[in-house]
PDB file of N, CA and C in Angstrom:
ATOM      1  N   MET A   1     166.538  97.518 -44.949  1.00  0.00           N
ATOM      2  CA  MET A   1     167.391  97.402 -43.788  1.00  0.00           C
ATOM      3  C   MET A   1     166.964  98.451 -42.758  1.00  0.00           C
ATOM      4  N   LEU A   2     166.975  98.065 -41.495  1.00  0.00           N
ATOM      5  CA  LEU A   2     166.577  98.949 -40.403  1.00  0.00           C
ATOM      6  C   LEU A   2     167.519 100.152 -40.325  1.00  0.00           C
ATOM      7  N   ASP A   3     166.972 101.360 -40.224  1.00  0.00           N
ATOM      8  CA  ASP A   3     167.774 102.571 -40.138  1.00  0.00           C
ATOM      9  C   ASP A   3     168.214 102.776 -38.690  1.00  0.00           C
ATOM     10  N   LEU A   4     169.434 102.370 -38.370  1.00  0.00           N
ATOM     11  CA  LEU A   4     169.932 102.449 -37.002  1.00  0.00           C
ATOM     12  C   LEU A   4     170.232 103.872 -36.561  1.00  0.00           C
ATOM     13  N   ALA A   5     170.276 104.811 -37.488  1.00  0.00           N
ATOM     14  CA  ALA A   5     170.535 106.211 -37.133  1.00  0.00           C
ATOM     15  C   ALA A   5     169.336 106.852 -36.442  1.00  0.00           C
ATOM     16  N   THR A   6     168.153 106.285 -36.640  1.00  0.00           N
ATOM     17  CA  THR A   6     166.958 106.905 -36.069  1.00  0.00           C
ATOM     18  C   THR A   6     166.132 105.965 -35.185  1.00  0.00           C
ATOM     19  N   VAL A   7     166.433 104.694 -35.165  1.00  0.00           N
ATOM     20  CA  VAL A   7     165.618 103.734 -34.413  1.00  0.00           C
ATOM     21  C   VAL A   7     165.673 104.047 -32.910  1.00  0.00           C
ATOM     22  N   PRO A   8     164.522 104.070 -32.228  1.00  0.00           N
ATOM     23  CA  PRO A   8     164.505 104.333 -30.784  1.00  0.00           C
ATOM     24  C   PRO A   8     164.655 103.046 -29.971  1.00  0.00           C
ATOM     25  N   CYS A   9     165.023 103.199 -28.730  1.00  0.00           N
ATOM     26  CA  CYS A   9     165.164 102.070 -27.819  1.00  0.00           C
ATOM     27  C   CYS A   9     163.874 101.253 -27.736  1.00  0.00           C
ATOM     28  N   ALA A  10     162.734 101.931 -27.716  1.00  0.00           N
ATOM     29  CA  ALA A  10     161.439 101.254 -27.574  1.00  0.00           C
ATOM     30  C   ALA A  10     161.198 100.231 -28.676  1.00  0.00           C
ATOM     31  N   GLN A  11     161.714 100.491 -29.861  1.00  0.00           N
ATOM     32  CA  GLN A  11     161.525  99.556 -30.970  1.00  0.00           C
ATOM     33  C   GLN A  11     162.260  98.250 -30.688  1.00  0.00           C
ATOM     34  N   PHE A  12     163.443  98.336 -30.086  1.00  0.00           N
ATOM     35  CA  PHE A  12     164.166  97.125 -29.695  1.00  0.00           C
ATOM     36  C   PHE A  12     163.547  96.506 -28.446  1.00  0.00           C
ATOM     37  N   ALA A  13     163.110  97.334 -27.500  1.00  0.00           N
ATOM     38  CA  ALA A  13     162.519  96.821 -26.259  1.00  0.00           C
ATOM     39  C   ALA A  13     161.301  95.939 -26.552  1.00  0.00           C
ATOM     40  N   ALA A  14     160.601  96.221 -27.631  1.00  0.00           N
ATOM     41  CA  ALA A  14     159.455  95.399 -28.019  1.00  0.00           C
ATOM     42  C   ALA A  14     159.888  94.010 -28.483  1.00  0.00           C
ATOM     43  N   CYS A  15     161.189  93.818 -28.672  1.00  0.00           N
ATOM     44  CA  CYS A  15     161.726  92.532 -29.148  1.00  0.00           C
ATOM     45  C   CYS A  15     162.515  91.790 -28.077  1.00  0.00           C
ATOM     46  N   LEU A  16     162.373  92.179 -26.811  1.00  0.00           N
ATOM     47  CA  LEU A  16     163.083  91.487 -25.737  1.00  0.00           C
ATOM     48  C   LEU A  16     162.764  89.999 -25.763  1.00  0.00           C
ATOM     49  N   ASN A  17     163.774  89.201 -25.494  1.00  0.00           N
ATOM     50  CA  ASN A  17     163.695  87.734 -25.471  1.00  0.00           C
ATOM     51  C   ASN A  17     163.470  87.110 -26.846  1.00  0.00           C
ATOM     52  N   GLN A  18     163.603  87.903 -27.896  1.00  0.00           N
ATOM     53  CA  GLN A  18     163.522  87.358 -29.254  1.00  0.00           C
ATOM     54  C   GLN A  18     164.921  87.049 -29.761  1.00  0.00           C
ATOM     55  N   ASP A  19     164.987  86.124 -30.722  1.00  0.00           N
ATOM     56  CA  ASP A  19     166.261  85.796 -31.353  1.00  0.00           C
ATOM     57  C   ASP A  19     166.627  86.822 -32.405  1.00  0.00           C
ATOM     58  N   PHE A  20     167.902  87.156 -32.432  1.00  0.00           N
ATOM     59  CA  PHE A  20     168.504  87.952 -33.486  1.00  0.00           C
ATOM     60  C   PHE A  20     169.574  87.060 -34.102  1.00  0.00           C
ATOM     61  N   GLU A  21     169.423  86.747 -35.364  1.00  0.00           N
ATOM     62  CA  GLU A  21     170.364  85.877 -36.047  1.00  0.00           C
ATOM     63  C   GLU A  21     171.565  86.679 -36.520  1.00  0.00           C
ATOM     64  N   VAL A  22     172.758  86.249 -36.131  1.00  0.00           N
ATOM     65  CA  VAL A  22     173.985  86.823 -36.670  1.00  0.00           C
ATOM     66  C   VAL A  22     174.267  86.054 -37.952  1.00  0.00           C
ATOM     67  N   VAL A  23     174.398  86.763 -39.056  1.00  0.00           N
ATOM     68  CA  VAL A  23     174.530  86.140 -40.367  1.00  0.00           C
ATOM     69  C   VAL A  23     176.002  86.095 -40.765  1.00  0.00           C
ATOM     70  N   PHE A  24     176.502  84.876 -40.968  1.00  0.00           N
ATOM     71  CA  PHE A  24     177.861  84.646 -41.447  1.00  0.00           C
ATOM     72  C   PHE A  24     177.782  84.071 -42.857  1.00  0.00           C
ATOM     73  N   SER A  25     178.882  84.059 -43.569  1.00  0.00           N
ATOM     74  CA  SER A  25     178.880  83.521 -44.934  1.00  0.00           C
ATOM     75  C   SER A  25     178.553  82.030 -44.959  1.00  0.00           C
ATOM     76  N   ASP A  26     178.813  81.325 -43.853  1.00  0.00           N
ATOM     77  CA  ASP A  26     178.574  79.881 -43.819  1.00  0.00           C
ATOM     78  C   ASP A  26     177.417  79.470 -42.907  1.00  0.00           C
ATOM     79  N   GLY A  27     176.582  80.411 -42.489  1.00  0.00           N
ATOM     80  CA  GLY A  27     175.435  80.069 -41.651  1.00  0.00           C
ATOM     81  C   GLY A  27     175.056  81.200 -40.715  1.00  0.00           C
ATOM     82  N   THR A  28     174.234  80.875 -39.725  1.00  0.00           N
ATOM     83  CA  THR A  28     173.769  81.870 -38.765  1.00  0.00           C
ATOM     84  C   THR A  28     173.963  81.377 -37.336  1.00  0.00           C
ATOM     85  N   LEU A  29     173.916  82.317 -36.417  1.00  0.00           N
ATOM     86  CA  LEU A  29     174.042  82.029 -35.002  1.00  0.00           C
ATOM     87  C   LEU A  29     173.017  82.884 -34.273  1.00  0.00           C
ATOM     88  N   ALA A  30     172.211  82.286 -33.412  1.00  0.00           N
ATOM     89  CA  ALA A  30     171.164  83.026 -32.700  1.00  0.00           C
ATOM     90  C   ALA A  30     171.691  83.626 -31.406  1.00  0.00           C
ATOM     91  N   LEU A  31     171.439  84.928 -31.245  1.00  0.00           N
ATOM     92  CA  LEU A  31     171.652  85.622 -29.983  1.00  0.00           C
ATOM     93  C   LEU A  31     170.294  86.130 -29.526  1.00  0.00           C
ATOM     94  N   LYS A  32     170.030  86.059 -28.241  1.00  0.00           N
ATOM     95  CA  LYS A  32     168.748  86.523 -27.699  1.00  0.00           C
ATOM     96  C   LYS A  32     168.916  87.935 -27.147  1.00  0.00           C
ATOM     97  N   LEU A  33     167.981  88.820 -27.509  1.00  0.00           N
ATOM     98  CA  LEU A  33     168.004  90.172 -26.957  1.00  0.00           C
ATOM     99  C   LEU A  33     167.573  90.087 -25.497  1.00  0.00           C
ATOM    100  N   PHE A  34     168.508  90.385 -24.609  1.00  0.00           N
ATOM    101  CA  PHE A  34     168.303  90.232 -23.176  1.00  0.00           C
ATOM    102  C   PHE A  34     167.898  91.543 -22.507  1.00  0.00           C
ATOM    103  N   GLU A  35     168.438  92.658 -23.026  1.00  0.00           N
ATOM    104  CA  GLU A  35     168.189  93.948 -22.375  1.00  0.00           C
ATOM    105  C   GLU A  35     168.210  95.069 -23.419  1.00  0.00           C
ATOM    106  N   ALA A  36     167.315  96.024 -23.260  1.00  0.00           N
ATOM    107  CA  ALA A  36     167.304  97.258 -24.055  1.00  0.00           C
ATOM    108  C   ALA A  36     167.014  98.367 -23.063  1.00  0.00           C
ATOM    109  N   ARG A  37     168.012  99.228 -22.821  1.00  0.00           N
ATOM    110  CA  ARG A  37     167.838 100.242 -21.780  1.00  0.00           C
ATOM    111  C   ARG A  37     168.369 101.595 -22.226  1.00  0.00           C
ATOM    112  N   PRO A  38     167.689 102.660 -21.810  1.00  0.00           N
ATOM    113  CA  PRO A  38     168.162 104.016 -22.101  1.00  0.00           C
ATOM    114  C   PRO A  38     169.455 104.294 -21.341  1.00  0.00           C
ATOM    115  N   LEU A  39     170.274 105.159 -21.907  1.00  0.00           N
ATOM    116  CA  LEU A  39     171.499 105.613 -21.255  1.00  0.00           C
ATOM    117  C   LEU A  39     171.353 107.080 -20.898  1.00  0.00           C
ATOM    118  N   GLU A  40     172.123 107.513 -19.932  1.00  0.00           N
ATOM    119  CA  GLU A  40     172.103 108.929 -19.566  1.00  0.00           C
ATOM    120  C   GLU A  40     172.549 109.751 -20.765  1.00  0.00           C
ATOM    121  N   ALA A  41     171.764 110.739 -21.106  1.00  0.00           N
ATOM    122  CA  ALA A  41     172.047 111.552 -22.287  1.00  0.00           C
ATOM    123  C   ALA A  41     172.997 112.689 -21.950  1.00  0.00           C
ATOM    124  N   THR A  42     174.162 112.690 -22.585  1.00  0.00           N
ATOM    125  CA  THR A  42     175.061 113.832 -22.463  1.00  0.00           C
ATOM    126  C   THR A  42     174.867 114.762 -23.652  1.00  0.00           C
ATOM    127  N   HIS A  43     174.399 114.179 -24.739  1.00  0.00           N
ATOM    128  CA  HIS A  43     174.026 114.946 -25.932  1.00  0.00           C
ATOM    129  C   HIS A  43     173.099 114.080 -26.776  1.00  0.00           C
ATOM    130  N   ARG A  44     172.356 114.698 -27.656  1.00  0.00           N
ATOM    131  CA  ARG A  44     171.421 113.971 -28.504  1.00  0.00           C
ATOM    132  C   ARG A  44     171.774 114.203 -29.961  1.00  0.00           C
ATOM    133  N   LEU A  45     171.647 113.153 -30.733  1.00  0.00           N
ATOM    134  CA  LEU A  45     171.769 113.254 -32.180  1.00  0.00           C
ATOM    135  C   LEU A  45     170.390 113.029 -32.769  1.00  0.00           C
ATOM    136  N   ALA A  46     169.930 113.958 -33.553  1.00  0.00           N
ATOM    137  CA  ALA A  46     168.634 113.846 -34.225  1.00  0.00           C
ATOM    138  C   ALA A  46     167.505 113.572 -33.241  1.00  0.00           C
ATOM    139  N   GLY A  47     167.640 114.044 -31.999  1.00  0.00           N
ATOM    140  CA  GLY A  47     166.564 113.914 -31.035  1.00  0.00           C
ATOM    141  C   GLY A  47     166.407 112.550 -30.394  1.00  0.00           C
ATOM    142  N   ARG A  48     167.247 111.581 -30.753  1.00  0.00           N
ATOM    143  CA  ARG A  48     167.117 110.242 -30.186  1.00  0.00           C
ATOM    144  C   ARG A  48     167.884 110.148 -28.876  1.00  0.00           C
ATOM    145  N   GLU A  49     167.246 109.541 -27.881  1.00  0.00           N
ATOM    146  CA  GLU A  49     167.920 109.270 -26.619  1.00  0.00           C
ATOM    147  C   GLU A  49     168.910 108.119 -26.830  1.00  0.00           C
ATOM    148  N   PRO A  50     170.116 108.213 -26.245  1.00  0.00           N
ATOM    149  CA  PRO A  50     171.062 107.105 -26.365  1.00  0.00           C
ATOM    150  C   PRO A  50     170.556 105.885 -25.595  1.00  0.00           C
ATOM    151  N   PHE A  51     170.940 104.695 -26.067  1.00  0.00           N
ATOM    152  CA  PHE A  51     170.525 103.464 -25.405  1.00  0.00           C
ATOM    153  C   PHE A  51     171.530 102.364 -25.681  1.00  0.00           C
ATOM    154  N   SER A  52     171.398 101.273 -24.934  1.00  0.00           N
ATOM    155  CA  SER A  52     172.251 100.112 -25.175  1.00  0.00           C
ATOM    156  C   SER A  52     171.398  98.857 -25.251  1.00  0.00           C
ATOM    157  N   LEU A  53     171.931  97.898 -25.982  1.00  0.00           N
ATOM    158  CA  LEU A  53     171.310  96.587 -26.112  1.00  0.00           C
ATOM    159  C   LEU A  53     172.299  95.550 -25.609  1.00  0.00           C
ATOM    160  N   VAL A  54     171.790  94.530 -24.932  1.00  0.00           N
ATOM    161  CA  VAL A  54     172.626  93.409 -24.524  1.00  0.00           C
ATOM    162  C   VAL A  54     171.999  92.140 -25.092  1.00  0.00           C
ATOM    163  N   PHE A  55     172.834  91.375 -25.788  1.00  0.00           N
ATOM    164  CA  PHE A  55     172.429  90.101 -26.372  1.00  0.00           C
ATOM    165  C   PHE A  55     173.150  88.989 -25.625  1.00  0.00           C
ATOM    166  N   ARG A  56     172.507  87.838 -25.520  1.00  0.00           N
ATOM    167  CA  ARG A  56     173.130  86.677 -24.876  1.00  0.00           C
ATOM    168  C   ARG A  56     173.188  85.522 -25.857  1.00  0.00           C
ATOM    169  N   GLY A  57     174.296  84.785 -25.738  1.00  0.00           N
ATOM    170  CA  GLY A  57     174.502  83.608 -26.571  1.00  0.00           C
ATOM    171  C   GLY A  57     175.095  82.478 -25.737  1.00  0.00           C
ATOM    172  N   PRO A  58     175.522  81.413 -26.392  1.00  0.00           N
ATOM    173  CA  PRO A  58     176.087  80.264 -25.680  1.00  0.00           C
ATOM    174  C   PRO A  58     177.333  80.630 -24.870  1.00  0.00           C
ATOM    175  N   ALA A  59     177.559  79.897 -23.778  1.00  0.00           N
ATOM    176  CA  ALA A  59     178.666  80.185 -22.861  1.00  0.00           C
ATOM    177  C   ALA A  59     180.022  80.173 -23.555  1.00  0.00           C
ATOM    178  N   GLN A  60     180.227  79.275 -24.464  1.00  0.00           N
ATOM    179  CA  GLN A  60     181.540  79.129 -25.097  1.00  0.00           C
ATOM    180  C   GLN A  60     181.760  80.094 -26.260  1.00  0.00           C
ATOM    181  N   LEU A  61     180.769  80.873 -26.623  1.00  0.00           N
ATOM    182  CA  LEU A  61     180.855  81.762 -27.779  1.00  0.00           C
ATOM    183  C   LEU A  61     181.806  82.923 -27.520  1.00  0.00           C
ATOM    184  N   ARG A  62     182.712  83.130 -28.448  1.00  0.00           N
ATOM    185  CA  ARG A  62     183.615  84.271 -28.422  1.00  0.00           C
ATOM    186  C   ARG A  62     183.583  84.910 -29.809  1.00  0.00           C
ATOM    187  N   LEU A  63     183.277  86.187 -29.861  1.00  0.00           N
ATOM    188  CA  LEU A  63     183.275  86.934 -31.113  1.00  0.00           C
ATOM    189  C   LEU A  63     184.136  88.174 -30.935  1.00  0.00           C
ATOM    190  N   PRO A  64     185.000  88.463 -31.899  1.00  0.00           N
ATOM    191  CA  PRO A  64     185.757  89.715 -31.796  1.00  0.00           C
ATOM    192  C   PRO A  64     184.816  90.898 -31.974  1.00  0.00           C
ATOM    193  N   GLN A  65     185.134  92.032 -31.333  1.00  0.00           N
ATOM    194  CA  GLN A  65     184.278  93.197 -31.527  1.00  0.00           C
ATOM    195  C   GLN A  65     184.304  93.588 -32.985  1.00  0.00           C
ATOM    196  N   GLY A  66     183.142  93.989 -33.472  1.00  0.00           N
ATOM    197  CA  GLY A  66     183.049  94.378 -34.868  1.00  0.00           C
ATOM    198  C   GLY A  66     181.604  94.535 -35.292  1.00  0.00           C
ATOM    199  N   ILE A  67     181.428  94.864 -36.565  1.00  0.00           N
ATOM    200  CA  ILE A  67     180.098  95.033 -37.133  1.00  0.00           C
ATOM    201  C   ILE A  67     179.616  93.684 -37.642  1.00  0.00           C
ATOM    202  N   TYR A  68     178.406  93.311 -37.221  1.00  0.00           N
ATOM    203  CA  TYR A  68     177.809  92.037 -37.612  1.00  0.00           C
ATOM    204  C   TYR A  68     176.460  92.282 -38.275  1.00  0.00           C
ATOM    205  N   LYS A  69     176.238  91.574 -39.371  1.00  0.00           N
ATOM    206  CA  LYS A  69     174.930  91.602 -40.010  1.00  0.00           C
ATOM    207  C   LYS A  69     174.015  90.737 -39.154  1.00  0.00           C
ATOM    208  N   MET A  70     172.859  91.311 -38.788  1.00  0.00           N
ATOM    209  CA  MET A  70     171.911  90.602 -37.942  1.00  0.00           C
ATOM    210  C   MET A  70     170.527  90.685 -38.555  1.00  0.00           C
ATOM    211  N   SER A  71     169.680  89.751 -38.173  1.00  0.00           N
ATOM    212  CA  SER A  71     168.315  89.719 -38.681  1.00  0.00           C
ATOM    213  C   SER A  71     167.369  89.308 -37.557  1.00  0.00           C
ATOM    214  N   ASN A  72     166.230  89.966 -37.514  1.00  0.00           N
ATOM    215  CA  ASN A  72     165.199  89.665 -36.528  1.00  0.00           C
ATOM    216  C   ASN A  72     163.867  89.590 -37.259  1.00  0.00           C
ATOM    217  N   ALA A  73     163.014  88.653 -36.872  1.00  0.00           N
ATOM    218  CA  ALA A  73     161.733  88.453 -37.553  1.00  0.00           C
ATOM    219  C   ALA A  73     160.877  89.717 -37.548  1.00  0.00           C
ATOM    220  N   GLN A  74     160.922  90.506 -36.478  1.00  0.00           N
ATOM    221  CA  GLN A  74     160.082  91.696 -36.358  1.00  0.00           C
ATOM    222  C   GLN A  74     160.739  92.937 -36.973  1.00  0.00           C
ATOM    223  N   LEU A  75     162.054  93.105 -36.771  1.00  0.00           N
ATOM    224  CA  LEU A  75     162.743  94.324 -37.195  1.00  0.00           C
ATOM    225  C   LEU A  75     163.427  94.221 -38.557  1.00  0.00           C
ATOM    226  N   GLY A  76     163.657  93.012 -39.025  1.00  0.00           N
ATOM    227  CA  GLY A  76     164.331  92.822 -40.304  1.00  0.00           C
ATOM    228  C   GLY A  76     165.844  92.790 -40.155  1.00  0.00           C
ATOM    229  N   GLU A  77     166.546  93.183 -41.221  1.00  0.00           N
ATOM    230  CA  GLU A  77     167.999  93.133 -41.245  1.00  0.00           C
ATOM    231  C   GLU A  77     168.610  94.443 -40.760  1.00  0.00           C
ATOM    232  N   MET A  78     169.811  94.308 -40.171  1.00  0.00           N
ATOM    233  CA  MET A  78     170.545  95.469 -39.664  1.00  0.00           C
ATOM    234  C   MET A  78     172.009  95.085 -39.525  1.00  0.00           C
ATOM    235  N   GLU A  79     172.868  96.059 -39.410  1.00  0.00           N
ATOM    236  CA  GLU A  79     174.274  95.833 -39.105  1.00  0.00           C
ATOM    237  C   GLU A  79     174.577  96.546 -37.802  1.00  0.00           C
ATOM    238  N   ILE A  80     175.051  95.772 -36.813  1.00  0.00           N
ATOM    239  CA  ILE A  80     175.264  96.304 -35.468  1.00  0.00           C
ATOM    240  C   ILE A  80     176.699  96.029 -35.022  1.00  0.00           C
ATOM    241  N   PHE A  81     177.312  97.044 -34.393  1.00  0.00           N
ATOM    242  CA  PHE A  81     178.641  96.891 -33.811  1.00  0.00           C
ATOM    243  C   PHE A  81     178.476  96.253 -32.437  1.00  0.00           C
ATOM    244  N   LEU A  82     179.014  95.044 -32.264  1.00  0.00           N
ATOM    245  CA  LEU A  82     178.906  94.308 -31.006  1.00  0.00           C
ATOM    246  C   LEU A  82     180.260  94.217 -30.312  1.00  0.00           C
ATOM    247  N   VAL A  83     180.227  94.310 -28.989  1.00  0.00           N
ATOM    248  CA  VAL A  83     181.402  94.137 -28.157  1.00  0.00           C
ATOM    249  C   VAL A  83     181.060  93.094 -27.091  1.00  0.00           C
ATOM    250  N   GLN A  84     181.909  92.088 -26.949  1.00  0.00           N
ATOM    251  CA  GLN A  84     181.670  91.100 -25.905  1.00  0.00           C
ATOM    252  C   GLN A  84     181.973  91.739 -24.558  1.00  0.00           C
ATOM    253  N   ILE A  85     181.015  91.651 -23.638  1.00  0.00           N
ATOM    254  CA  ILE A  85     181.182  92.306 -22.335  1.00  0.00           C
ATOM    255  C   ILE A  85     181.272  91.329 -21.176  1.00  0.00           C
ATOM    256  N   ALA A  86     180.909  90.060 -21.401  1.00  0.00           N
ATOM    257  CA  ALA A  86     180.960  89.085 -20.313  1.00  0.00           C
ATOM    258  C   ALA A  86     180.851  87.673 -20.864  1.00  0.00           C
ATOM    259  N   ALA A  87     181.314  86.737 -20.056  1.00  0.00           N
ATOM    260  CA  ALA A  87     181.150  85.309 -20.345  1.00  0.00           C
ATOM    261  C   ALA A  87     181.288  84.568 -19.020  1.00  0.00           C
ATOM    262  N   ASP A  88     180.404  83.615 -18.809  1.00  0.00           N
ATOM    263  CA  ASP A  88     180.502  82.772 -17.626  1.00  0.00           C
ATOM    264  C   ASP A  88     180.088  81.353 -18.011  1.00  0.00           C
ATOM    265  N   LYS A  89     179.794  80.519 -17.055  1.00  0.00           N
ATOM    266  CA  LYS A  89     179.460  79.120 -17.334  1.00  0.00           C
ATOM    267  C   LYS A  89     178.122  78.943 -18.034  1.00  0.00           C
ATOM    268  N   THR A  90     177.270  79.979 -18.001  1.00  0.00           N
ATOM    269  CA  THR A  90     175.933  79.825 -18.572  1.00  0.00           C
ATOM    270  C   THR A  90     175.707  80.580 -19.876  1.00  0.00           C
ATOM    271  N   SER A  91     176.465  81.669 -20.106  1.00  0.00           N
ATOM    272  CA  SER A  91     176.221  82.456 -21.317  1.00  0.00           C
ATOM    273  C   SER A  91     177.373  83.411 -21.612  1.00  0.00           C
ATOM    274  N   SER A  92     177.338  83.964 -22.822  1.00  0.00           N
ATOM    275  CA  SER A  92     178.226  85.050 -23.232  1.00  0.00           C
ATOM    276  C   SER A  92     177.334  86.251 -23.534  1.00  0.00           C
ATOM    277  N   SER A  93     177.794  87.444 -23.202  1.00  0.00           N
ATOM    278  CA  SER A  93     177.006  88.649 -23.413  1.00  0.00           C
ATOM    279  C   SER A  93     177.729  89.616 -24.339  1.00  0.00           C
ATOM    280  N   PHE A  94     176.935  90.283 -25.198  1.00  0.00           N
ATOM    281  CA  PHE A  94     177.450  91.221 -26.176  1.00  0.00           C
ATOM    282  C   PHE A  94     176.620  92.493 -26.093  1.00  0.00           C
ATOM    283  N   GLU A  95     177.297  93.656 -26.170  1.00  0.00           N
ATOM    284  CA  GLU A  95     176.604  94.931 -26.050  1.00  0.00           C
ATOM    285  C   GLU A  95     176.745  95.739 -27.329  1.00  0.00           C
ATOM    286  N   ALA A  96     175.678  96.473 -27.647  1.00  0.00           N
ATOM    287  CA  ALA A  96     175.676  97.460 -28.720  1.00  0.00           C
ATOM    288  C   ALA A  96     175.200  98.767 -28.106  1.00  0.00           C
ATOM    289  N   VAL A  97     175.927  99.857 -28.340  1.00  0.00           N
ATOM    290  CA  VAL A  97     175.578 101.164 -27.780  1.00  0.00           C
ATOM    291  C   VAL A  97     175.203 102.099 -28.928  1.00  0.00           C
ATOM    292  N   PHE A  98     174.087 102.789 -28.761  1.00  0.00           N
ATOM    293  CA  PHE A  98     173.589 103.739 -29.753  1.00  0.00           C
ATOM    294  C   PHE A  98     173.607 105.121 -29.138  1.00  0.00           C
ATOM    295  N   ASN A  99     174.410 106.021 -29.700  1.00  0.00           N
ATOM    296  CA  ASN A  99     174.538 107.394 -29.183  1.00  0.00           C
ATOM    297  C   ASN A  99     173.648 108.331 -29.956  1.00  0.00           C
TER     298      ASN A  99
END
């Protein structure tokens, strides 16, 4: 499983526009990594710069904020806390913030 405590933004940025499968007990749902960007650092943990990820999914998708098991062909499996930040006629967006 990917160690999210040390993974840098660049590792996710290399996966832009790739699918990340959200794994549920009854199947999977694909979200596309839309954005990986550094955040202004107010403090650092273990030398890692803080960053955020934005994933996009279908317009009608609604997920409660929480930890989701995800899988990506390049990065493998991980558990990420996602928060829905937007929804419109074309897509729904979910953010994960790494401090």
